[in-house]
C-alpha atoms as a PDB file:
ATOM      1  CA  MET A   1     -10.909 -16.032   1.293  1.00  0.00           C
ATOM      2  CA  LEU A   2      -7.403 -15.094   1.155  1.00  0.00           C
ATOM      3  CA  LYS A   3      -7.457 -14.394   5.011  1.00  0.00           C
ATOM      4  CA  PRO A   4      -8.530 -18.110   5.822  1.00  0.00           C
ATOM      5  CA  MET A   5      -5.990 -19.359   3.268  1.00  0.00           C
ATOM      6  CA  LEU A   6      -3.011 -17.380   5.121  1.00  0.00           C
ATOM      7  CA  GLN A   7      -4.262 -18.245   8.434  1.00  0.00           C
ATOM      8  CA  ALA A   8      -3.879 -22.014   7.402  1.00  0.00           C
ATOM      9  CA  LEU A   9      -0.366 -21.286   5.981  1.00  0.00           C
ATOM     10  CA  SER A  10       0.873 -19.784   9.294  1.00  0.00           C
ATOM     11  CA  PHE A  11       0.504 -23.407  10.930  1.00  0.00           C
ATOM     12  CA  LEU A  12       3.432 -24.195   8.746  1.00  0.00           C
ATOM     13  CA  PRO A  13       6.616 -24.412  10.464  1.00  0.00           C
ATOM     14  CA  LEU A  14       8.905 -21.299   9.823  1.00  0.00           C
ATOM     15  CA  GLY A  15      11.738 -23.154   8.115  1.00  0.00           C
ATOM     16  CA  THR A  16       9.037 -24.524   5.719  1.00  0.00           C
ATOM     17  CA  LEU A  17       7.800 -20.868   5.249  1.00  0.00           C
ATOM     18  CA  HIS A  18      11.335 -19.794   4.664  1.00  0.00           C
ATOM     19  CA  ALA A  19      12.299 -22.628   2.096  1.00  0.00           C
ATOM     20  CA  MET A  20       8.804 -21.665   0.236  1.00  0.00           C
ATOM     21  CA  GLY A  21      10.059 -18.014   0.201  1.00  0.00           C
ATOM     22  CA  ALA A  22      13.656 -18.995  -0.936  1.00  0.00           C
ATOM     23  CA  ALA A  23      11.814 -20.333  -4.015  1.00  0.00           C
ATOM     24  CA  LEU A  24       9.696 -17.590  -4.619  1.00  0.00           C
ATOM     25  CA  GLY A  25      12.684 -15.021  -4.403  1.00  0.00           C
ATOM     26  CA  TRP A  26      14.202 -17.162  -7.410  1.00  0.00           C
ATOM     27  CA  VAL A  27      11.029 -17.232  -9.155  1.00  0.00           C
ATOM     28  CA  VAL A  28      10.722 -13.140  -9.228  1.00  0.00           C
ATOM     29  CA  TYR A  29      14.252 -12.912  -9.607  1.00  0.00           C
ATOM     30  CA  LEU A  30      14.131 -15.216 -13.083  1.00  0.00           C
ATOM     31  CA  ALA A  31      10.807 -13.785 -14.249  1.00  0.00           C
ATOM     32  CA  SER A  32      11.589  -9.905 -13.745  1.00  0.00           C
ATOM     33  CA  ARG A  33      14.398  -8.410 -15.569  1.00  0.00           C
ATOM     34  CA  SER A  34      13.670  -4.917 -13.917  1.00  0.00           C
ATOM     35  CA  TYR A  35      13.633  -6.523 -10.703  1.00  0.00           C
ATOM     36  CA  ALA A  36      16.837  -8.692 -11.152  1.00  0.00           C
ATOM     37  CA  SER A  37      18.493  -5.691 -12.683  1.00  0.00           C
ATOM     38  CA  ARG A  38      18.046  -3.432  -9.938  1.00  0.00           C
ATOM     39  CA  LEU A  39      18.745  -6.025  -7.003  1.00  0.00           C
ATOM     40  CA  ASP A  40      21.750  -6.736  -9.143  1.00  0.00           C
ATOM     41  CA  ALA A  41      22.792  -2.660  -9.489  1.00  0.00           C
ATOM     42  CA  ASN A  42      21.923  -1.669  -5.727  1.00  0.00           C
ATOM     43  CA  LEU A  43      24.198  -4.776  -4.553  1.00  0.00           C
ATOM     44  CA  GLN A  44      27.205  -4.188  -6.788  1.00  0.00           C
ATOM     45  CA  GLN A  45      26.982  -0.496  -5.317  1.00  0.00           C
ATOM     46  CA  SER A  46      27.302  -1.420  -2.205  1.00  0.00           C
ATOM     47  CA  GLY A  47      30.879  -3.163  -2.554  1.00  0.00           C
ATOM     48  CA  LEU A  48      30.191  -5.461   0.198  1.00  0.00           C
ATOM     49  CA  PHE A  49      32.058  -8.092  -1.364  1.00  0.00           C
ATOM     50  CA  ALA A  50      35.671  -9.150  -2.065  1.00  0.00           C
ATOM     51  CA  SER A  51      35.662 -10.885  -4.975  1.00  0.00           C
ATOM     52  CA  ALA A  52      33.670 -11.661  -8.031  1.00  0.00           C
ATOM     53  CA  ALA A  53      32.827 -15.283  -6.520  1.00  0.00           C
ATOM     54  CA  ASP A  54      32.055 -13.487  -2.863  1.00  0.00           C
ATOM     55  CA  TYR A  55      29.718 -11.314  -4.787  1.00  0.00           C
ATOM     56  CA  ARG A  56      27.819 -14.345  -6.913  1.00  0.00           C
ATOM     57  CA  ARG A  57      27.513 -16.147  -3.345  1.00  0.00           C
ATOM     58  CA  LEU A  58      25.994 -12.696  -1.910  1.00  0.00           C
ATOM     59  CA  ARG A  59      23.724 -12.459  -4.856  1.00  0.00           C
ATOM     60  CA  ARG A  60      22.224 -15.919  -4.579  1.00  0.00           C
ATOM     61  CA  GLU A  61      21.638 -15.240  -0.675  1.00  0.00           C
ATOM     62  CA  ALA A  62      20.077 -11.973  -1.089  1.00  0.00           C
ATOM     63  CA  ILE A  63      17.647 -13.457  -3.833  1.00  0.00           C
ATOM     64  CA  ALA A  64      16.720 -16.080  -1.648  1.00  0.00           C
ATOM     65  CA  GLU A  65      16.504 -13.945   1.732  1.00  0.00           C
ATOM     66  CA  ALA A  66      14.345 -11.357  -0.392  1.00  0.00           C
ATOM     67  CA  GLY A  67      11.689 -14.309  -0.851  1.00  0.00           C
ATOM     68  CA  LYS A  68      11.785 -14.880   2.834  1.00  0.00           C
ATOM     69  CA  ALA A  69      11.049 -11.899   3.662  1.00  0.00           C
ATOM     70  CA  ALA A  70       7.938 -11.748   1.272  1.00  0.00           C
ATOM     71  CA  ILE A  71       6.496 -14.763   2.928  1.00  0.00           C
ATOM     72  CA  GLU A  72       7.425 -14.501   6.557  1.00  0.00           C
ATOM     73  CA  PRO A  73       4.818 -11.956   7.649  1.00  0.00           C
ATOM     74  CA  ILE A  74       2.478 -15.084   7.233  1.00  0.00           C
ATOM     75  CA  ALA A  75       4.071 -16.292  10.515  1.00  0.00           C
ATOM     76  CA  ILE A  76       4.294 -13.179  11.997  1.00  0.00           C
ATOM     77  CA  TRP A  77       0.756 -11.869  11.344  1.00  0.00           C
ATOM     78  CA  PHE A  78      -0.992 -14.906  12.059  1.00  0.00           C
ATOM     79  CA  LYS A  79       0.481 -16.949  14.642  1.00  0.00           C
ATOM     80  CA  SER A  80      -0.832 -16.649  17.905  1.00  0.00           C
ATOM     81  CA  GLU A  81       1.259 -13.817  19.863  1.00  0.00           C
ATOM     82  CA  ALA A  82       2.695 -16.546  21.882  1.00  0.00           C
ATOM     83  CA  GLN A  83       4.055 -18.297  19.123  1.00  0.00           C
ATOM     84  CA  VAL A  84       5.597 -15.498  17.397  1.00  0.00           C
ATOM     85  CA  THR A  85       7.362 -14.374  20.918  1.00  0.00           C
ATOM     86  CA  GLN A  86       9.174 -17.829  20.829  1.00  0.00           C
ATOM     87  CA  LEU A  87      10.711 -17.348  17.672  1.00  0.00           C
ATOM     88  CA  VAL A  88      12.704 -14.319  19.105  1.00  0.00           C
ATOM     89  CA  ARG A  89      15.676 -16.427  20.318  1.00  0.00           C
ATOM     90  CA  GLU A  90      17.984 -13.922  21.294  1.00  0.00           C
ATOM     91  CA  VAL A  91      17.884  -9.865  21.843  1.00  0.00           C
ATOM     92  CA  ARG A  92      20.981  -8.030  21.963  1.00  0.00           C
ATOM     93  CA  ASN A  93      21.284  -4.590  23.866  1.00  0.00           C
ATOM     94  CA  LEU A  94      17.673  -4.725  25.102  1.00  0.00           C
ATOM     95  CA  ASP A  95      19.240  -3.060  28.575  1.00  0.00           C
ATOM     96  CA  ALA A  96      20.000   0.083  26.862  1.00  0.00           C
ATOM     97  CA  VAL A  97      16.315   0.442  25.780  1.00  0.00           C
ATOM     98  CA  GLU A  98      15.165  -0.369  29.327  1.00  0.00           C
ATOM     99  CA  ALA A  99      17.635   2.269  30.625  1.00  0.00           C
ATOM    100  CA  ALA A 100      16.301   4.706  28.450  1.00  0.00           C
ATOM    101  CA  ARG A 101      12.612   3.967  29.600  1.00  0.00           C
ATOM    102  CA  SER A 102      13.474   4.090  33.169  1.00  0.00           C
ATOM    103  CA  ALA A 103      14.971   7.742  32.517  1.00  0.00           C
ATOM    104  CA  GLY A 104      11.608   8.626  31.330  1.00  0.00           C
ATOM    105  CA  LYS A 105      12.828   9.019  27.501  1.00  0.00           C
ATOM    106  CA  GLY A 106      10.726   8.360  24.753  1.00  0.00           C
ATOM    107  CA  ILE A 107      11.992   5.420  22.596  1.00  0.00           C
ATOM    108  CA  PHE A 108      12.504   5.723  18.850  1.00  0.00           C
ATOM    109  CA  ILE A 109      13.286   2.473  16.997  1.00  0.00           C
ATOM    110  CA  LEU A 110      14.428   2.660  13.380  1.00  0.00           C
ATOM    111  CA  THR A 111      14.043  -0.379  11.447  1.00  0.00           C
ATOM    112  CA  PRO A 112      15.656  -0.558   7.926  1.00  0.00           C
ATOM    113  CA  HIS A 113      14.641  -2.929   4.877  1.00  0.00           C
ATOM    114  CA  LEU A 114      16.997  -5.420   6.706  1.00  0.00           C
ATOM    115  CA  GLY A 115      15.988  -9.065   8.097  1.00  0.00           C
ATOM    116  CA  CYS A 116      12.504  -9.640   9.303  1.00  0.00           C
ATOM    117  CA  PHE A 117      11.285  -6.040  10.036  1.00  0.00           C
ATOM    118  CA  GLU A 118       7.713  -7.184  10.917  1.00  0.00           C
ATOM    119  CA  ILE A 119       9.193  -9.018  14.152  1.00  0.00           C
ATOM    120  CA  VAL A 120      10.729  -5.774  15.271  1.00  0.00           C
ATOM    121  CA  GLY A 121       7.533  -4.077  15.698  1.00  0.00           C
ATOM    122  CA  PHE A 122       5.733  -7.012  17.313  1.00  0.00           C
ATOM    123  CA  PHE A 123       8.661  -7.268  20.044  1.00  0.00           C
ATOM    124  CA  PHE A 124       8.552  -3.942  20.985  1.00  0.00           C
ATOM    125  CA  GLY A 125       4.743  -3.402  20.893  1.00  0.00           C
ATOM    126  CA  GLN A 126       4.845  -6.263  23.655  1.00  0.00           C
ATOM    127  CA  MET A 127       6.901  -4.428  26.059  1.00  0.00           C
ATOM    128  CA  MET A 128       5.171  -0.961  25.911  1.00  0.00           C
ATOM    129  CA  PRO A 129       2.778   1.222  23.838  1.00  0.00           C
ATOM    130  CA  PHE A 130       4.554   1.448  20.071  1.00  0.00           C
ATOM    131  CA  THR A 131       3.300   3.781  17.465  1.00  0.00           C
ATOM    132  CA  VAL A 132       4.543   2.497  14.100  1.00  0.00           C
ATOM    133  CA  LEU A 133       4.692   5.005  11.000  1.00  0.00           C
ATOM    134  CA  TYR A 134       3.750   2.645   7.726  1.00  0.00           C
ATOM    135  CA  ARG A 135       3.001   3.617   4.215  1.00  0.00           C
ATOM    136  CA  PRO A 136      -0.223   2.167   2.923  1.00  0.00           C
ATOM    137  CA  PRO A 137       0.378  -0.300   0.112  1.00  0.00           C
ATOM    138  CA  ARG A 138      -0.489   0.098  -3.567  1.00  0.00           C
ATOM    139  CA  VAL A 139      -2.135  -3.195  -3.699  1.00  0.00           C
ATOM    140  CA  ARG A 140      -5.289  -2.211  -1.818  1.00  0.00           C
ATOM    141  CA  TRP A 141      -6.477  -5.552  -0.684  1.00  0.00           C
ATOM    142  CA  LEU A 142      -3.325  -6.062   1.394  1.00  0.00           C
ATOM    143  CA  GLU A 143      -3.977  -3.073   3.597  1.00  0.00           C
ATOM    144  CA  PRO A 144      -6.596  -4.752   5.943  1.00  0.00           C
ATOM    145  CA  LEU A 145      -4.362  -7.852   6.161  1.00  0.00           C
ATOM    146  CA  MET A 146      -1.483  -5.496   6.908  1.00  0.00           C
ATOM    147  CA  ILE A 147      -3.367  -3.561  10.171  1.00  0.00           C
ATOM    148  CA  HIS A 148      -4.755  -7.139  11.390  1.00  0.00           C
ATOM    149  CA  GLY A 149      -1.301  -8.570  11.250  1.00  0.00           C
ATOM    150  CA  ARG A 150       0.677  -5.476  12.873  1.00  0.00           C
ATOM    151  CA  ARG A 151      -1.893  -4.106  15.393  1.00  0.00           C
ATOM    152  CA  ARG A 152      -1.026  -6.629  18.111  1.00  0.00           C
ATOM    153  CA  GLY A 153      -0.114  -6.272  21.787  1.00  0.00           C
ATOM    154  CA  GLN A 154       0.218  -2.331  22.215  1.00  0.00           C
ATOM    155  CA  VAL A 155       1.083  -1.707  18.517  1.00  0.00           C
ATOM    156  CA  GLU A 156      -1.025   1.340  17.170  1.00  0.00           C
ATOM    157  CA  LEU A 157      -0.406   2.348  13.310  1.00  0.00           C
ATOM    158  CA  ALA A 158       0.194   6.199  12.011  1.00  0.00           C
ATOM    159  CA  THR A 159      -0.150   6.395   8.214  1.00  0.00           C
ATOM    160  CA  THR A 160       2.381   8.311   6.511  1.00  0.00           C
ATOM    161  CA  ASP A 161       0.677  11.697   6.134  1.00  0.00           C
ATOM    162  CA  VAL A 162       0.494  14.749   8.651  1.00  0.00           C
ATOM    163  CA  ALA A 163      -1.687  13.579  11.191  1.00  0.00           C
ATOM    164  CA  GLY A 164       0.382   9.976  11.376  1.00  0.00           C
ATOM    165  CA  VAL A 165       3.793  12.235  11.920  1.00  0.00           C
ATOM    166  CA  ARG A 166       1.601  13.942  15.001  1.00  0.00           C
ATOM    167  CA  ARG A 167       0.993  10.736  16.334  1.00  0.00           C
ATOM    168  CA  LEU A 168       4.923   9.844  16.363  1.00  0.00           C
ATOM    169  CA  LEU A 169       5.434  13.224  17.540  1.00  0.00           C
ATOM    170  CA  LYS A 170       3.198  12.956  20.425  1.00  0.00           C
ATOM    171  CA  ALA A 171       4.238   9.379  21.345  1.00  0.00           C
ATOM    172  CA  LEU A 172       7.867  10.483  21.723  1.00  0.00           C
ATOM    173  CA  ARG A 173       7.264  13.349  23.882  1.00  0.00           C
ATOM    174  CA  SER A 174       4.887  11.624  26.055  1.00  0.00           C
ATOM    175  CA  GLY A 175       7.735   8.841  26.896  1.00  0.00           C
ATOM    176  CA  LYS A 176       6.185   6.410  24.930  1.00  0.00           C
ATOM    177  CA  ALA A 177       7.743   4.680  22.008  1.00  0.00           C
ATOM    178  CA  ALA A 178       7.608   4.983  18.149  1.00  0.00           C
ATOM    179  CA  GLY A 179       9.111   3.226  15.160  1.00  0.00           C
ATOM    180  CA  MET A 180       9.603   3.921  11.304  1.00  0.00           C
ATOM    181  CA  LEU A 181      11.723   2.778   8.386  1.00  0.00           C
ATOM    182  CA  PRO A 182      14.701   5.147   8.196  1.00  0.00           C
ATOM    183  CA  ASP A 183      15.645   4.073   4.446  1.00  0.00           C
ATOM    184  CA  GLN A 184      12.260   4.203   3.149  1.00  0.00           C
ATOM    185  CA  ALA A 185      12.625   6.734  -0.358  1.00  0.00           C
ATOM    186  CA  PRO A 186      10.264   9.811   0.754  1.00  0.00           C
ATOM    187  CA  GLN A 187       6.854  10.418  -0.757  1.00  0.00           C
ATOM    188  CA  PHE A 188       5.850  13.166   1.416  1.00  0.00           C
ATOM    189  CA  GLY A 189       7.348  15.951   3.473  1.00  0.00           C
ATOM    190  CA  ASP A 190      11.047  16.940   3.302  1.00  0.00           C
ATOM    191  CA  GLY A 191      13.833  14.538   1.691  1.00  0.00           C
ATOM    192  CA  VAL A 192      17.293  15.730   1.165  1.00  0.00           C
ATOM    193  CA  TRP A 193      20.389  13.969  -0.998  1.00  0.00           C
ATOM    194  CA  ALA A 194      22.592  11.906   1.179  1.00  0.00           C
ATOM    195  CA  ARG A 195      25.288   9.405   0.010  1.00  0.00           C
ATOM    196  CA  PHE A 196      24.067   5.711   0.693  1.00  0.00           C
ATOM    197  CA  PHE A 197      26.819   3.170  -0.086  1.00  0.00           C
ATOM    198  CA  ASP A 198      28.697   6.032  -1.956  1.00  0.00           C
ATOM    199  CA  ARG A 199      25.548   7.164  -4.246  1.00  0.00           C
ATOM    200  CA  PRO A 200      23.401  10.118  -3.639  1.00  0.00           C
ATOM    201  CA  ALA A 201      19.812   8.808  -2.533  1.00  0.00           C
ATOM    202  CA  LEU A 202      17.007  10.903  -1.436  1.00  0.00           C
ATOM    203  CA  THR A 203      16.535  10.372   2.341  1.00  0.00           C
ATOM    204  CA  MET A 204      13.926  11.109   4.995  1.00  0.00           C
ATOM    205  CA  THR A 205      14.656  14.057   7.221  1.00  0.00           C
ATOM    206  CA  LEU A 206      11.788  12.989   9.477  1.00  0.00           C
ATOM    207  CA  SER A 207      13.462  10.803  11.785  1.00  0.00           C
ATOM    208  CA  ASN A 208      15.919  13.310  12.638  1.00  0.00           C
ATOM    209  CA  ARG A 209      13.768  16.191  12.754  1.00  0.00           C
ATOM    210  CA  LEU A 210      11.318  13.787  15.631  1.00  0.00           C
ATOM    211  CA  ARG A 211      14.722  13.339  17.297  1.00  0.00           C
ATOM    212  CA  ARG A 212      15.559  17.047  17.810  1.00  0.00           C
ATOM    213  CA  ALA A 213      12.077  17.917  18.785  1.00  0.00           C
ATOM    214  CA  THR A 214      11.524  15.045  21.361  1.00  0.00           C
ATOM    215  CA  GLY A 215      14.983  14.444  22.807  1.00  0.00           C
ATOM    216  CA  CYS A 216      14.208  10.801  22.465  1.00  0.00           C
ATOM    217  CA  ALA A 217      16.613   7.897  22.780  1.00  0.00           C
ATOM    218  CA  THR A 218      17.166   6.319  19.555  1.00  0.00           C
ATOM    219  CA  PHE A 219      18.118   3.063  18.212  1.00  0.00           C
ATOM    220  CA  MET A 220      18.740   1.190  14.986  1.00  0.00           C
ATOM    221  CA  ALA A 221      17.032  -2.320  15.222  1.00  0.00           C
ATOM    222  CA  PHE A 222      16.728  -5.458  12.910  1.00  0.00           C
ATOM    223  CA  ALA A 223      15.710  -8.998  13.412  1.00  0.00           C
ATOM    224  CA  GLU A 224      18.286 -11.674  12.022  1.00  0.00           C
ATOM    225  CA  ARG A 225      16.749 -14.418  10.590  1.00  0.00           C
ATOM    226  CA  LEU A 226      18.445 -17.584  12.077  1.00  0.00           C
ATOM    227  CA  PRO A 227      19.569 -20.524   9.475  1.00  0.00           C
ATOM    228  CA  ARG A 228      16.721 -23.438   8.762  1.00  0.00           C
ATOM    229  CA  GLY A 229      13.920 -21.515  10.174  1.00  0.00           C
ATOM    230  CA  ALA A 230      15.102 -21.708  13.734  1.00  0.00           C
ATOM    231  CA  GLY A 231      13.911 -18.013  14.579  1.00  0.00           C
ATOM    232  CA  TYR A 232      15.389 -14.732  14.974  1.00  0.00           C
ATOM    233  CA  ARG A 233      18.182 -12.776  16.720  1.00  0.00           C
ATOM    234  CA  LEU A 234      17.074  -9.179  17.498  1.00  0.00           C
ATOM    235  CA  HIS A 235      19.983  -6.849  17.118  1.00  0.00           C
ATOM    236  CA  ILE A 236      19.714  -3.305  18.904  1.00  0.00           C
ATOM    237  CA  GLU A 237      22.299  -0.483  18.267  1.00  0.00           C
ATOM    238  CA  PRO A 238      21.924   2.690  20.044  1.00  0.00           C
ATOM    239  CA  LEU A 239      22.668   6.056  18.033  1.00  0.00           C
ATOM    240  CA  PRO A 240      24.565   8.880  19.142  1.00  0.00           C
ATOM    241  CA  ALA A 241      22.442  11.431  21.582  1.00  0.00           C
ATOM    242  CA  ALA A 242      23.943  14.188  19.225  1.00  0.00           C
ATOM    243  CA  ILE A 243      22.163  14.478  16.123  1.00  0.00           C
ATOM    244  CA  GLY A 244      23.858  14.838  12.916  1.00  0.00           C
ATOM    245  CA  ASP A 245      22.729  15.371   9.212  1.00  0.00           C
ATOM    246  CA  GLU A 246      21.244  12.755   6.844  1.00  0.00           C
ATOM    247  CA  SER A 247      24.597  11.294   5.785  1.00  0.00           C
ATOM    248  CA  GLN A 248      25.334  10.040   8.946  1.00  0.00           C
ATOM    249  CA  LEU A 249      21.969   8.377   9.588  1.00  0.00           C
ATOM    250  CA  ASN A 250      22.896   6.700   6.080  1.00  0.00           C
ATOM    251  CA  GLU A 251      26.034   5.603   7.726  1.00  0.00           C
ATOM    252  CA  ALA A 252      23.983   4.374  10.429  1.00  0.00           C
ATOM    253  CA  VAL A 253      21.948   2.191   8.294  1.00  0.00           C
ATOM    254  CA  GLU A 254      24.834   1.129   6.568  1.00  0.00           C
ATOM    255  CA  ARG A 255      26.860  -0.186   9.387  1.00  0.00           C
ATOM    256  CA  ILE A 256      24.112  -2.466  10.596  1.00  0.00           C
ATOM    257  CA  ILE A 257      23.669  -3.711   6.929  1.00  0.00           C
ATOM    258  CA  ARG A 258      27.227  -5.011   7.089  1.00  0.00           C
ATOM    259  CA  LEU A 259      26.295  -7.154   9.957  1.00  0.00           C
ATOM    260  CA  ARG A 260      23.782  -9.301   7.772  1.00  0.00           C
ATOM    261  CA  PRO A 261      24.171  -7.649   4.122  1.00  0.00           C
ATOM    262  CA  ALA A 262      22.419 -10.790   2.558  1.00  0.00           C
ATOM    263  CA  GLN A 263      19.395 -10.259   4.459  1.00  0.00           C
ATOM    264  CA  TYR A 264      18.895  -6.506   2.853  1.00  0.00           C
ATOM    265  CA  LEU A 265      16.253  -5.941   0.287  1.00  0.00           C
ATOM    266  CA  TRP A 266      18.562  -4.936  -2.497  1.00  0.00           C
ATOM    267  CA  ALA A 267      15.735  -4.697  -5.072  1.00  0.00           C
ATOM    268  CA  TYR A 268      14.322  -1.882  -3.095  1.00  0.00           C
ATOM    269  CA  ASP A 269      14.388   1.251  -5.360  1.00  0.00           C
ATOM    270  CA  ARG A 270      16.514   3.357  -2.896  1.00  0.00           C
ATOM    271  CA  TYR A 271      17.952   5.287  -5.551  1.00  0.00           C
ATOM    272  CA  LYS A 272      14.863   6.460  -7.132  1.00  0.00           C
ATOM    273  CA  GLY A 273      15.563   9.574  -9.595  1.00  0.00           C
ATOM    274  CA  ARG A 274      14.435  13.155  -8.692  1.00  0.00           C
ATOM    275  CA  ARG A 275      15.479  16.481  -9.708  1.00  0.00           C
ATOM    276  CA  GLY A 276      18.620  18.034  -8.776  1.00  0.00           C
ATOM    277  CA  VAL A 277      20.981  15.405  -8.798  1.00  0.00           C
ATOM    278  CA  THR A 278      22.890  14.889 -12.148  1.00  0.00           C
ATOM    279  CA  ALA A 279      22.478  11.306 -14.168  1.00  0.00           C
ATOM    280  CA  ALA A 280      26.557  11.368 -13.408  1.00  0.00           C
ATOM    281  CA  GLU A 281      25.983  11.721  -9.791  1.00  0.00           C
ATOM    282  CA  ARG A 282      23.152   8.972  -9.714  1.00  0.00           C
ATOM    283  CA  ALA A 283      25.207   6.423 -11.533  1.00  0.00           C
ATOM    284  CA  PRO A 284      26.339   3.360 -10.021  1.00  0.00           C
ATOM    285  CA  ARG A 285      30.290   2.981  -9.479  1.00  0.00           C
ATOM    286  CA  ALA A 286      31.493   0.217 -11.757  1.00  0.00           C
ATOM    287  CA  ALA A 287      31.063  -3.188 -11.334  1.00  0.00           C
ATOM    288  CA  ARG A 288      33.712  -5.272 -10.007  1.00  0.00           C
END
């Protein structure tokens, strides 16, 4: 019943879906005190504003953009592959990816919770075999829809467990492509405390471990939403071959967020409490 309804909604223009999403973003923000508090606190923590008025503008935009992120998978998952391909209006630095492929290197795409991360996987899956690490959703009925929507083109999915990590490792070692979210709070494997917008956040070590093990070419990527549902601009930023620690990984995530800060999912619980960091260290900076 739900799948046919979503398929019907996918016939709507992207601009209409984004307008619906912006309204949904405000409904959730006004209805959920915990959601609103987390979004406000994380956005304040970022310091990506110059004044109180600038902060209020950025918060308004972030609330609407979060709603768009929740709705736009309807378009990416259920429109035809030809229609979704046409939504990518511009790609920046694709030549760097193609050069790494020509050199026989594995391609590692890191996509933060920024812009439309669903279409990033779709785009690369149209180009090459692409194995994507994903965490099964808590809402179990959503998983079959997610698998249906993401497994398009040459995309293969790998769950966040040992078997899934091995699939990513195999893909990168064989010169294929793999992708994951670098800013996802770890629920498995190792994580270390590293500063993210000047506050300790438990950070995955997996991406750096895979890079060291495979010598792959690594890129940070995100799909910027263009105004009025015009589509997406895909930004691809090569990361240095020299692999630093997780603090440097978080700095790379911060740099790409600064390109379009309103399109980051500020309500994502990036600063989940864990043992080993004091309450004072976890506390956000004073609000401006």
